[in-house]
Amino acid sequence: MPRDFKSFAEQNKKVIDENKDKASEYQEIINKYKDMDQNSLMANLFQEANRLKREGKLDTSTLNNLKQTLSPFLNAEQKNMLDELLIAINNT
């Protein structure tokens, strides 16, 4: 744990530098989806979910963890939509 601001700043700069690739990757993902309408986004979501299921990377446990992680940040309407999406993904 850094004891002074200079050490703290150096440590954080290192973390930021180590994660620049991820930031770039996230920006590419945002750019890919930012102009899509809801139907296109949903089609992509289900296509990606099916691919991940086939690869064994998406299961009920993973979806439940996603729900638990996101739920505290959502209002009631958003929680209902998330529930519907997860049920649909689970059933595809």
N, C-alpha and C. Protein backbone atom coordinates (compact mmCIF):
# COMPACT_ATOMS: atom_id res chain seq x y z
N MET A 1 0.85 -1.19 0.00
CA MET A 1 0.00 0.00 0.00
C MET A 1 0.89 1.24 0.00
N PRO A 2 0.71 2.15 -0.98
CA PRO A 2 1.55 3.34 -1.05
C PRO A 2 1.32 4.24 0.17
N ARG A 3 2.40 4.86 0.62
CA ARG A 3 2.31 5.72 1.80
C ARG A 3 2.29 7.19 1.44
N ASP A 4 2.54 7.53 0.19
CA ASP A 4 2.51 8.92 -0.22
C ASP A 4 1.85 9.03 -1.59
N PHE A 5 1.47 10.24 -1.94
CA PHE A 5 0.74 10.44 -3.18
C PHE A 5 1.56 10.07 -4.41
N LYS A 6 2.85 10.37 -4.38
CA LYS A 6 3.70 10.05 -5.52
C LYS A 6 3.70 8.55 -5.80
N SER A 7 3.85 7.74 -4.75
CA SER A 7 3.82 6.28 -4.91
C SER A 7 2.45 5.83 -5.40
N PHE A 8 1.41 6.43 -4.84
CA PHE A 8 0.04 6.10 -5.25
C PHE A 8 -0.15 6.40 -6.74
N ALA A 9 0.29 7.57 -7.17
CA ALA A 9 0.14 7.97 -8.57
C ALA A 9 0.91 7.05 -9.50
N GLU A 10 2.11 6.67 -9.10
CA GLU A 10 2.93 5.77 -9.92
C GLU A 10 2.28 4.40 -10.03
N GLN A 11 1.73 3.91 -8.93
CA GLN A 11 1.07 2.61 -8.94
C GLN A 11 -0.16 2.65 -9.84
N ASN A 12 -0.95 3.73 -9.75
CA ASN A 12 -2.15 3.84 -10.59
C ASN A 12 -1.79 4.01 -12.05
N LYS A 13 -0.72 4.73 -12.35
CA LYS A 13 -0.29 4.87 -13.74
C LYS A 13 0.05 3.51 -14.32
N LYS A 14 0.71 2.69 -13.51
CA LYS A 14 1.06 1.34 -13.95
C LYS A 14 -0.20 0.53 -14.25
N VAL A 15 -1.20 0.61 -13.39
CA VAL A 15 -2.46 -0.12 -13.60
C VAL A 15 -3.14 0.37 -14.87
N ILE A 16 -3.18 1.68 -15.05
CA ILE A 16 -3.80 2.24 -16.26
C ILE A 16 -3.06 1.79 -17.51
N ASP A 17 -1.73 1.86 -17.48
CA ASP A 17 -0.93 1.43 -18.63
C ASP A 17 -1.17 -0.04 -18.95
N GLU A 18 -1.27 -0.87 -17.91
CA GLU A 18 -1.49 -2.30 -18.12
C GLU A 18 -2.86 -2.60 -18.70
N ASN A 19 -3.81 -1.69 -18.56
CA ASN A 19 -5.18 -1.94 -19.01
C ASN A 19 -5.58 -1.15 -20.25
N LYS A 20 -4.61 -0.50 -20.90
CA LYS A 20 -4.93 0.27 -22.10
C LYS A 20 -5.52 -0.61 -23.20
N ASP A 21 -5.01 -1.83 -23.34
CA ASP A 21 -5.54 -2.73 -24.37
C ASP A 21 -7.00 -3.04 -24.11
N LYS A 22 -7.36 -3.26 -22.86
CA LYS A 22 -8.75 -3.55 -22.53
C LYS A 22 -9.63 -2.34 -22.81
N ALA A 23 -9.16 -1.15 -22.47
CA ALA A 23 -9.93 0.07 -22.73
C ALA A 23 -10.18 0.21 -24.22
N SER A 24 -9.18 -0.06 -25.02
CA SER A 24 -9.32 0.00 -26.47
C SER A 24 -10.31 -1.06 -26.97
N GLU A 25 -10.22 -2.25 -26.39
CA GLU A 25 -11.14 -3.33 -26.75
C GLU A 25 -12.57 -2.96 -26.40
N TYR A 26 -12.78 -2.37 -25.22
CA TYR A 26 -14.12 -1.96 -24.81
C TYR A 26 -14.66 -0.88 -25.73
N GLN A 27 -13.80 0.05 -26.14
CA GLN A 27 -14.23 1.11 -27.05
C GLN A 27 -14.65 0.52 -28.39
N GLU A 28 -13.93 -0.49 -28.87
CA GLU A 28 -14.31 -1.14 -30.13
C GLU A 28 -15.68 -1.79 -30.01
N ILE A 29 -15.94 -2.42 -28.87
CA ILE A 29 -17.24 -3.06 -28.66
C ILE A 29 -18.34 -2.01 -28.63
N ILE A 30 -18.10 -0.91 -27.93
CA ILE A 30 -19.09 0.17 -27.87
C ILE A 30 -19.37 0.70 -29.27
N ASN A 31 -18.33 0.92 -30.03
CA ASN A 31 -18.50 1.43 -31.39
C ASN A 31 -19.27 0.46 -32.27
N LYS A 32 -19.07 -0.83 -32.06
CA LYS A 32 -19.75 -1.85 -32.85
C LYS A 32 -21.27 -1.80 -32.64
N TYR A 33 -21.69 -1.56 -31.40
CA TYR A 33 -23.11 -1.66 -31.07
C TYR A 33 -23.83 -0.32 -30.92
N LYS A 34 -23.14 0.78 -30.86
CA LYS A 34 -23.76 2.05 -30.48
C LYS A 34 -24.84 2.54 -31.44
N ASP A 35 -24.77 2.21 -32.69
CA ASP A 35 -25.75 2.71 -33.66
C ASP A 35 -26.82 1.68 -34.03
N MET A 36 -26.83 0.53 -33.36
CA MET A 36 -27.81 -0.51 -33.68
C MET A 36 -29.15 -0.21 -33.02
N ASP A 37 -30.22 -0.57 -33.72
CA ASP A 37 -31.55 -0.44 -33.11
C ASP A 37 -31.78 -1.63 -32.19
N GLN A 38 -32.88 -1.59 -31.44
CA GLN A 38 -33.13 -2.61 -30.43
C GLN A 38 -33.25 -4.01 -31.04
N ASN A 39 -33.89 -4.13 -32.18
CA ASN A 39 -34.03 -5.45 -32.81
C ASN A 39 -32.68 -6.04 -33.19
N SER A 40 -31.80 -5.21 -33.73
CA SER A 40 -30.47 -5.68 -34.10
C SER A 40 -29.66 -6.06 -32.86
N LEU A 41 -29.78 -5.25 -31.81
CA LEU A 41 -29.08 -5.57 -30.56
C LEU A 41 -29.55 -6.90 -29.99
N MET A 42 -30.86 -7.12 -30.00
CA MET A 42 -31.41 -8.37 -29.47
C MET A 42 -30.95 -9.56 -30.31
N ALA A 43 -30.97 -9.41 -31.61
CA ALA A 43 -30.51 -10.49 -32.48
C ALA A 43 -29.06 -10.83 -32.18
N ASN A 44 -28.23 -9.81 -32.03
CA ASN A 44 -26.83 -10.03 -31.69
C ASN A 44 -26.67 -10.68 -30.33
N LEU A 45 -27.47 -10.24 -29.35
CA LEU A 45 -27.41 -10.80 -28.01
C LEU A 45 -27.69 -12.31 -28.03
N PHE A 46 -28.75 -12.70 -28.71
CA PHE A 46 -29.11 -14.11 -28.75
C PHE A 46 -28.11 -14.93 -29.56
N GLN A 47 -27.59 -14.35 -30.61
CA GLN A 47 -26.57 -15.03 -31.41
C GLN A 47 -25.32 -15.28 -30.57
N GLU A 48 -24.89 -14.27 -29.84
CA GLU A 48 -23.71 -14.39 -28.99
C GLU A 48 -23.96 -15.37 -27.83
N ALA A 49 -25.15 -15.32 -27.25
CA ALA A 49 -25.49 -16.24 -26.16
C ALA A 49 -25.46 -17.68 -26.65
N ASN A 50 -26.01 -17.92 -27.82
CA ASN A 50 -25.99 -19.28 -28.37
C ASN A 50 -24.57 -19.76 -28.65
N ARG A 51 -23.73 -18.88 -29.14
CA ARG A 51 -22.33 -19.24 -29.39
C ARG A 51 -21.63 -19.60 -28.08
N LEU A 52 -21.82 -18.78 -27.07
CA LEU A 52 -21.20 -19.04 -25.78
C LEU A 52 -21.71 -20.33 -25.15
N LYS A 53 -22.99 -20.62 -25.32
CA LYS A 53 -23.54 -21.89 -24.81
C LYS A 53 -22.88 -23.08 -25.50
N ARG A 54 -22.76 -22.99 -26.82
CA ARG A 54 -22.13 -24.09 -27.57
C ARG A 54 -20.70 -24.32 -27.11
N GLU A 55 -20.02 -23.24 -26.75
CA GLU A 55 -18.62 -23.33 -26.30
C GLU A 55 -18.51 -23.69 -24.81
N GLY A 56 -19.66 -23.83 -24.15
CA GLY A 56 -19.65 -24.17 -22.73
C GLY A 56 -19.27 -23.01 -21.83
N LYS A 57 -19.40 -21.81 -22.32
CA LYS A 57 -19.01 -20.63 -21.55
C LYS A 57 -20.19 -19.88 -20.95
N LEU A 58 -21.40 -20.34 -21.20
CA LEU A 58 -22.59 -19.68 -20.68
C LEU A 58 -23.56 -20.73 -20.19
N ASP A 59 -23.92 -20.64 -18.93
CA ASP A 59 -24.88 -21.57 -18.35
C ASP A 59 -25.77 -20.84 -17.36
N THR A 60 -26.69 -21.56 -16.74
CA THR A 60 -27.65 -20.96 -15.81
C THR A 60 -26.94 -20.26 -14.66
N SER A 61 -25.89 -20.85 -14.16
CA SER A 61 -25.15 -20.25 -13.05
C SER A 61 -24.55 -18.90 -13.46
N THR A 62 -23.98 -18.84 -14.63
CA THR A 62 -23.41 -17.59 -15.13
C THR A 62 -24.49 -16.52 -15.27
N LEU A 63 -25.64 -16.91 -15.79
CA LEU A 63 -26.74 -15.97 -15.95
C LEU A 63 -27.26 -15.49 -14.60
N ASN A 64 -27.34 -16.38 -13.63
CA ASN A 64 -27.76 -15.99 -12.29
C ASN A 64 -26.78 -15.02 -11.65
N ASN A 65 -25.48 -15.25 -11.86
CA ASN A 65 -24.46 -14.34 -11.34
C ASN A 65 -24.59 -12.96 -11.99
N LEU A 66 -24.87 -12.95 -13.29
CA LEU A 66 -25.07 -11.69 -13.99
C LEU A 66 -26.25 -10.94 -13.40
N LYS A 67 -27.33 -11.66 -13.16
CA LYS A 67 -28.52 -11.04 -12.58
C LYS A 67 -28.22 -10.45 -11.21
N GLN A 68 -27.54 -11.20 -10.37
CA GLN A 68 -27.21 -10.71 -9.03
C GLN A 68 -26.30 -9.49 -9.08
N THR A 69 -25.41 -9.46 -10.05
CA THR A 69 -24.48 -8.34 -10.17
C THR A 69 -25.19 -7.07 -10.65
N LEU A 70 -26.08 -7.22 -11.63
CA LEU A 70 -26.73 -6.06 -12.23
C LEU A 70 -27.93 -5.54 -11.45
N SER A 71 -28.67 -6.42 -10.81
CA SER A 71 -29.94 -6.05 -10.17
C SER A 71 -29.87 -4.84 -9.24
N PRO A 72 -28.86 -4.72 -8.40
CA PRO A 72 -28.84 -3.56 -7.50
C PRO A 72 -28.79 -2.20 -8.21
N PHE A 73 -28.41 -2.20 -9.47
CA PHE A 73 -28.27 -0.95 -10.22
C PHE A 73 -29.48 -0.64 -11.09
N LEU A 74 -30.50 -1.51 -11.05
CA LEU A 74 -31.64 -1.39 -11.94
C LEU A 74 -32.90 -1.00 -11.19
N ASN A 75 -33.80 -0.30 -11.89
CA ASN A 75 -35.11 -0.03 -11.31
C ASN A 75 -36.01 -1.24 -11.58
N ALA A 76 -37.23 -1.20 -11.09
CA ALA A 76 -38.14 -2.35 -11.20
C ALA A 76 -38.40 -2.74 -12.65
N GLU A 77 -38.61 -1.76 -13.51
CA GLU A 77 -38.87 -2.04 -14.93
C GLU A 77 -37.65 -2.71 -15.58
N GLN A 78 -36.48 -2.20 -15.29
CA GLN A 78 -35.26 -2.76 -15.84
C GLN A 78 -35.01 -4.17 -15.32
N LYS A 79 -35.32 -4.42 -14.06
CA LYS A 79 -35.17 -5.76 -13.49
C LYS A 79 -36.09 -6.74 -14.19
N ASN A 80 -37.33 -6.31 -14.46
CA ASN A 80 -38.27 -7.18 -15.17
C ASN A 80 -37.75 -7.50 -16.58
N MET A 81 -37.21 -6.49 -17.26
CA MET A 81 -36.67 -6.72 -18.60
C MET A 81 -35.48 -7.67 -18.54
N LEU A 82 -34.62 -7.49 -17.56
CA LEU A 82 -33.47 -8.39 -17.40
C LEU A 82 -33.95 -9.81 -17.16
N ASP A 83 -34.94 -9.96 -16.29
CA ASP A 83 -35.49 -11.30 -16.03
C ASP A 83 -36.00 -11.95 -17.31
N GLU A 84 -36.74 -11.18 -18.11
CA GLU A 84 -37.28 -11.70 -19.37
C GLU A 84 -36.16 -12.10 -20.33
N LEU A 85 -35.14 -11.26 -20.42
CA LEU A 85 -34.00 -11.57 -21.29
C LEU A 85 -33.29 -12.84 -20.85
N LEU A 86 -33.06 -12.95 -19.56
CA LEU A 86 -32.33 -14.13 -19.06
C LEU A 86 -33.15 -15.40 -19.24
N ILE A 87 -34.45 -15.32 -19.07
CA ILE A 87 -35.31 -16.49 -19.32
C ILE A 87 -35.24 -16.87 -20.80
N ALA A 88 -35.33 -15.86 -21.68
CA ALA A 88 -35.26 -16.13 -23.12
C ALA A 88 -33.91 -16.72 -23.51
N ILE A 89 -32.84 -16.19 -22.96
CA ILE A 89 -31.50 -16.72 -23.26
C ILE A 89 -31.37 -18.15 -22.75
N ASN A 90 -31.89 -18.38 -21.56
CA ASN A 90 -31.82 -19.71 -20.97
C ASN A 90 -32.59 -20.75 -21.80
N ASN A 91 -33.65 -20.30 -22.46
CA ASN A 91 -34.52 -21.21 -23.21
C ASN A 91 -34.11 -21.38 -24.67
N THR A 92 -33.06 -20.67 -25.11
CA THR A 92 -32.65 -20.82 -26.51
C THR A 92 -31.61 -21.89 -26.66
